[in-house]
PDB file of N, CA and C in Angstrom:
ATOM      1  N   MET A   1       8.281 -14.208   3.137  1.00  0.00           N
ATOM      2  CA  MET A   1       7.006 -13.531   3.151  1.00  0.00           C
ATOM      3  C   MET A   1       5.976 -14.509   2.611  1.00  0.00           C
ATOM      4  N   SER A   2       4.907 -14.626   3.318  1.00  0.00           N
ATOM      5  CA  SER A   2       3.874 -15.555   2.876  1.00  0.00           C
ATOM      6  C   SER A   2       3.059 -14.943   1.733  1.00  0.00           C
ATOM      7  N   ILE A   3       2.406 -15.802   1.028  1.00  0.00           N
ATOM      8  CA  ILE A   3       1.552 -15.366  -0.082  1.00  0.00           C
ATOM      9  C   ILE A   3       0.458 -14.439   0.443  1.00  0.00           C
ATOM     10  N   GLY A   4      -0.081 -14.747   1.594  1.00  0.00           N
ATOM     11  CA  GLY A   4      -1.134 -13.918   2.186  1.00  0.00           C
ATOM     12  C   GLY A   4      -0.648 -12.509   2.488  1.00  0.00           C
ATOM     13  N   ASP A   5       0.579 -12.397   3.002  1.00  0.00           N
ATOM     14  CA  ASP A   5       1.151 -11.077   3.283  1.00  0.00           C
ATOM     15  C   ASP A   5       1.354 -10.279   1.999  1.00  0.00           C
ATOM     16  N   LYS A   6       1.873 -10.955   0.968  1.00  0.00           N
ATOM     17  CA  LYS A   6       2.082 -10.280  -0.312  1.00  0.00           C
ATOM     18  C   LYS A   6       0.756  -9.774  -0.862  1.00  0.00           C
ATOM     19  N   ALA A   7      -0.255 -10.610  -0.793  1.00  0.00           N
ATOM     20  CA  ALA A   7      -1.570 -10.232  -1.313  1.00  0.00           C
ATOM     21  C   ALA A   7      -2.145  -9.068  -0.513  1.00  0.00           C
ATOM     22  N   LYS A   8      -2.010  -9.123   0.793  1.00  0.00           N
ATOM     23  CA  LYS A   8      -2.540  -8.062   1.648  1.00  0.00           C
ATOM     24  C   LYS A   8      -1.857  -6.732   1.334  1.00  0.00           C
ATOM     25  N   ASP A   9      -0.536  -6.753   1.166  1.00  0.00           N
ATOM     26  CA  ASP A   9       0.206  -5.536   0.847  1.00  0.00           C
ATOM     27  C   ASP A   9      -0.184  -5.002  -0.532  1.00  0.00           C
ATOM     28  N   ALA A  10      -0.341  -5.893  -1.490  1.00  0.00           N
ATOM     29  CA  ALA A  10      -0.730  -5.477  -2.836  1.00  0.00           C
ATOM     30  C   ALA A  10      -2.135  -4.890  -2.845  1.00  0.00           C
ATOM     31  N   VAL A  11      -3.036  -5.506  -2.105  1.00  0.00           N
ATOM     32  CA  VAL A  11      -4.410  -4.998  -2.028  1.00  0.00           C
ATOM     33  C   VAL A  11      -4.419  -3.616  -1.388  1.00  0.00           C
ATOM     34  N   GLN A  12      -3.597  -3.419  -0.362  1.00  0.00           N
ATOM     35  CA  GLN A  12      -3.544  -2.110   0.292  1.00  0.00           C
ATOM     36  C   GLN A  12      -3.041  -1.054  -0.693  1.00  0.00           C
ATOM     37  N   GLN A  13      -2.073  -1.399  -1.504  1.00  0.00           N
ATOM     38  CA  GLN A  13      -1.558  -0.443  -2.485  1.00  0.00           C
ATOM     39  C   GLN A  13      -2.614  -0.114  -3.537  1.00  0.00           C
ATOM     40  N   VAL A  14      -3.300  -1.117  -4.032  1.00  0.00           N
ATOM     41  CA  VAL A  14      -4.331  -0.901  -5.048  1.00  0.00           C
ATOM     42  C   VAL A  14      -5.486  -0.085  -4.471  1.00  0.00           C
ATOM     43  N   ALA A  15      -5.886  -0.422  -3.257  1.00  0.00           N
ATOM     44  CA  ALA A  15      -6.963   0.328  -2.608  1.00  0.00           C
ATOM     45  C   ALA A  15      -6.543   1.778  -2.401  1.00  0.00           C
ATOM     46  N   GLY A  16      -5.301   1.984  -2.046  1.00  0.00           N
ATOM     47  CA  GLY A  16      -4.789   3.342  -1.877  1.00  0.00           C
ATOM     48  C   GLY A  16      -4.824   4.126  -3.169  1.00  0.00           C
ATOM     49  N   LYS A  17      -4.461   3.475  -4.268  1.00  0.00           N
ATOM     50  CA  LYS A  17      -4.512   4.142  -5.569  1.00  0.00           C
ATOM     51  C   LYS A  17      -5.945   4.522  -5.919  1.00  0.00           C
ATOM     52  N   ALA A  18      -6.873   3.620  -5.634  1.00  0.00           N
ATOM     53  CA  ALA A  18      -8.285   3.898  -5.912  1.00  0.00           C
ATOM     54  C   ALA A  18      -8.793   5.052  -5.058  1.00  0.00           C
ATOM     55  N   GLU A  19      -8.443   5.031  -3.772  1.00  0.00           N
ATOM     56  CA  GLU A  19      -8.862   6.121  -2.878  1.00  0.00           C
ATOM     57  C   GLU A  19      -8.299   7.452  -3.352  1.00  0.00           C
ATOM     58  N   GLU A  20      -7.041   7.439  -3.738  1.00  0.00           N
ATOM     59  CA  GLU A  20      -6.416   8.671  -4.207  1.00  0.00           C
ATOM     60  C   GLU A  20      -7.118   9.189  -5.462  1.00  0.00           C
ATOM     61  N   ALA A  21      -7.408   8.296  -6.394  1.00  0.00           N
ATOM     62  CA  ALA A  21      -8.076   8.702  -7.630  1.00  0.00           C
ATOM     63  C   ALA A  21      -9.464   9.275  -7.358  1.00  0.00           C
ATOM     64  N   VAL A  22     -10.223   8.616  -6.494  1.00  0.00           N
ATOM     65  CA  VAL A  22     -11.557   9.108  -6.150  1.00  0.00           C
ATOM     66  C   VAL A  22     -11.451  10.452  -5.433  1.00  0.00           C
ATOM     67  N   GLY A  23     -10.488  10.565  -4.534  1.00  0.00           N
ATOM     68  CA  GLY A  23     -10.286  11.814  -3.815  1.00  0.00           C
ATOM     69  C   GLY A  23      -9.959  12.969  -4.744  1.00  0.00           C
ATOM     70  N   LYS A  24      -9.106  12.711  -5.724  1.00  0.00           N
ATOM     71  CA  LYS A  24      -8.760  13.753  -6.692  1.00  0.00           C
ATOM     72  C   LYS A  24      -9.969  14.118  -7.550  1.00  0.00           C
ATOM     73  N   HIS A  25     -10.716  13.105  -7.940  1.00  0.00           N
ATOM     74  CA  HIS A  25     -11.883  13.341  -8.805  1.00  0.00           C
ATOM     75  C   HIS A  25     -12.966  14.146  -8.092  1.00  0.00           C
ATOM     76  N   THR A  26     -13.112  13.921  -6.803  1.00  0.00           N
ATOM     77  CA  THR A  26     -14.162  14.595  -6.039  1.00  0.00           C
ATOM     78  C   THR A  26     -13.628  15.787  -5.243  1.00  0.00           C
ATOM     79  N   ASP A  27     -12.374  16.144  -5.461  1.00  0.00           N
ATOM     80  CA  ASP A  27     -11.729  17.244  -4.731  1.00  0.00           C
ATOM     81  C   ASP A  27     -11.791  17.040  -3.221  1.00  0.00           C
ATOM     82  N   ASP A  28     -11.611  15.797  -2.797  1.00  0.00           N
ATOM     83  CA  ASP A  28     -11.600  15.458  -1.377  1.00  0.00           C
ATOM     84  C   ASP A  28     -10.144  15.255  -0.946  1.00  0.00           C
ATOM     85  N   ALA A  29      -9.564  16.298  -0.360  1.00  0.00           N
ATOM     86  CA  ALA A  29      -8.152  16.251   0.013  1.00  0.00           C
ATOM     87  C   ALA A  29      -7.867  15.172   1.052  1.00  0.00           C
ATOM     88  N   GLU A  30      -8.801  14.956   1.962  1.00  0.00           N
ATOM     89  CA  GLU A  30      -8.597  13.952   3.012  1.00  0.00           C
ATOM     90  C   GLU A  30      -8.534  12.542   2.410  1.00  0.00           C
ATOM     91  N   LEU A  31      -9.424  12.241   1.485  1.00  0.00           N
ATOM     92  CA  LEU A  31      -9.432  10.927   0.844  1.00  0.00           C
ATOM     93  C   LEU A  31      -8.184  10.745  -0.015  1.00  0.00           C
ATOM     94  N   THR A  32      -7.770  11.789  -0.695  1.00  0.00           N
ATOM     95  CA  THR A  32      -6.552  11.733  -1.494  1.00  0.00           C
ATOM     96  C   THR A  32      -5.354  11.423  -0.604  1.00  0.00           C
ATOM     97  N   ALA A  33      -5.261  12.116   0.516  1.00  0.00           N
ATOM     98  CA  ALA A  33      -4.152  11.891   1.446  1.00  0.00           C
ATOM     99  C   ALA A  33      -4.193  10.481   2.028  1.00  0.00           C
ATOM    100  N   GLN A  34      -5.372   9.997   2.357  1.00  0.00           N
ATOM    101  CA  GLN A  34      -5.507   8.640   2.904  1.00  0.00           C
ATOM    102  C   GLN A  34      -5.058   7.609   1.871  1.00  0.00           C
ATOM    103  N   GLY A  35      -5.429   7.819   0.628  1.00  0.00           N
ATOM    104  CA  GLY A  35      -5.009   6.910  -0.437  1.00  0.00           C
ATOM    105  C   GLY A  35      -3.503   6.884  -0.604  1.00  0.00           C
ATOM    106  N   GLN A  36      -2.886   8.057  -0.555  1.00  0.00           N
ATOM    107  CA  GLN A  36      -1.430   8.131  -0.661  1.00  0.00           C
ATOM    108  C   GLN A  36      -0.774   7.435   0.528  1.00  0.00           C
ATOM    109  N   LYS A  37      -1.338   7.632   1.711  1.00  0.00           N
ATOM    110  CA  LYS A  37      -0.811   7.003   2.921  1.00  0.00           C
ATOM    111  C   LYS A  37      -0.897   5.476   2.801  1.00  0.00           C
ATOM    112  N   ASP A  38      -2.030   4.966   2.328  1.00  0.00           N
ATOM    113  CA  ASP A  38      -2.191   3.521   2.179  1.00  0.00           C
ATOM    114  C   ASP A  38      -1.180   2.944   1.194  1.00  0.00           C
ATOM    115  N   GLN A  39      -0.913   3.671   0.126  1.00  0.00           N
ATOM    116  CA  GLN A  39       0.060   3.198  -0.848  1.00  0.00           C
ATOM    117  C   GLN A  39       1.451   3.112  -0.224  1.00  0.00           C
ATOM    118  N   VAL A  40       1.825   4.137   0.507  1.00  0.00           N
ATOM    119  CA  VAL A  40       3.143   4.166   1.134  1.00  0.00           C
ATOM    120  C   VAL A  40       3.259   3.056   2.179  1.00  0.00           C
ATOM    121  N   MET A  41       2.206   2.877   2.973  1.00  0.00           N
ATOM    122  CA  MET A  41       2.233   1.829   3.996  1.00  0.00           C
ATOM    123  C   MET A  41       2.357   0.448   3.366  1.00  0.00           C
ATOM    124  N   GLY A  42       1.624   0.193   2.302  1.00  0.00           N
ATOM    125  CA  GLY A  42       1.700  -1.095   1.623  1.00  0.00           C
ATOM    126  C   GLY A  42       3.083  -1.346   1.056  1.00  0.00           C
ATOM    127  N   GLU A  43       3.664  -0.324   0.452  1.00  0.00           N
ATOM    128  CA  GLU A  43       5.005  -0.453  -0.113  1.00  0.00           C
ATOM    129  C   GLU A  43       6.042  -0.661   0.990  1.00  0.00           C
ATOM    130  N   ALA A  44       5.912   0.069   2.085  1.00  0.00           N
ATOM    131  CA  ALA A  44       6.860  -0.071   3.195  1.00  0.00           C
ATOM    132  C   ALA A  44       6.803  -1.476   3.788  1.00  0.00           C
ATOM    133  N   ARG A  45       5.597  -1.989   3.970  1.00  0.00           N
ATOM    134  CA  ARG A  45       5.469  -3.347   4.516  1.00  0.00           C
ATOM    135  C   ARG A  45       6.069  -4.365   3.560  1.00  0.00           C
ATOM    136  N   MET A  46       5.884  -4.150   2.268  1.00  0.00           N
ATOM    137  CA  MET A  46       6.428  -5.071   1.280  1.00  0.00           C
ATOM    138  C   MET A  46       7.955  -5.041   1.321  1.00  0.00           C
ATOM    139  N   GLU A  47       8.529  -3.850   1.428  1.00  0.00           N
ATOM    140  CA  GLU A  47       9.984  -3.721   1.499  1.00  0.00           C
ATOM    141  C   GLU A  47      10.528  -4.353   2.779  1.00  0.00           C
ATOM    142  N   THR A  48       9.821  -4.192   3.885  1.00  0.00           N
ATOM    143  CA  THR A  48      10.236  -4.804   5.149  1.00  0.00           C
ATOM    144  C   THR A  48      10.259  -6.320   5.028  1.00  0.00           C
ATOM    145  N   GLU A  49       9.230  -6.875   4.431  1.00  0.00           N
ATOM    146  CA  GLU A  49       9.168  -8.325   4.254  1.00  0.00           C
ATOM    147  C   GLU A  49      10.273  -8.817   3.306  1.00  0.00           C
ATOM    148  N   LYS A  50      10.578  -8.042   2.269  1.00  0.00           N
ATOM    149  CA  LYS A  50      11.665  -8.416   1.365  1.00  0.00           C
ATOM    150  C   LYS A  50      12.986  -8.441   2.111  1.00  0.00           C
ATOM    151  N   ALA A  51      13.196  -7.465   2.992  1.00  0.00           N
ATOM    152  CA  ALA A  51      14.431  -7.417   3.776  1.00  0.00           C
ATOM    153  C   ALA A  51      14.517  -8.618   4.714  1.00  0.00           C
ATOM    154  N   LYS A  52      13.412  -8.987   5.334  1.00  0.00           N
ATOM    155  CA  LYS A  52      13.387 -10.158   6.199  1.00  0.00           C
ATOM    156  C   LYS A  52      13.727 -11.410   5.421  1.00  0.00           C
ATOM    157  N   ASP A  53      13.165 -11.537   4.213  1.00  0.00           N
ATOM    158  CA  ASP A  53      13.436 -12.702   3.377  1.00  0.00           C
ATOM    159  C   ASP A  53      14.916 -12.754   2.989  1.00  0.00           C
ATOM    160  N   ALA A  54      15.505 -11.594   2.706  1.00  0.00           N
ATOM    161  CA  ALA A  54      16.905 -11.554   2.312  1.00  0.00           C
ATOM    162  C   ALA A  54      17.806 -11.986   3.460  1.00  0.00           C
ATOM    163  N   VAL A  55      17.445 -11.627   4.674  1.00  0.00           N
ATOM    164  CA  VAL A  55      18.226 -12.014   5.847  1.00  0.00           C
ATOM    165  C   VAL A  55      18.144 -13.514   6.076  1.00  0.00           C
ATOM    166  N   LYS A  56      16.975 -14.082   5.835  1.00  0.00           N
ATOM    167  CA  LYS A  56      16.785 -15.525   6.021  1.00  0.00           C
ATOM    168  C   LYS A  56      17.609 -16.334   5.037  1.00  0.00           C
ATOM    169  N   ASP A  57      17.790 -15.793   3.828  1.00  0.00           N
ATOM    170  CA  ASP A  57      18.538 -16.512   2.802  1.00  0.00           C
ATOM    171  C   ASP A  57      19.985 -16.407   3.108  1.00  0.00           C
TER     172      ASP A  57
END
């Protein structure tokens, strides 16, 4: 996994956490759900890349 991919996945997770927090604070269910989705997507991509790296080794 390249450094750029790791950074992109981490940024997506952090952005998702921020969206979720703002959504909860403003009672915006759609924003909260989007934030949760972004976190899950970032984590899934990170896990996929880890699996690819493990296969290469």
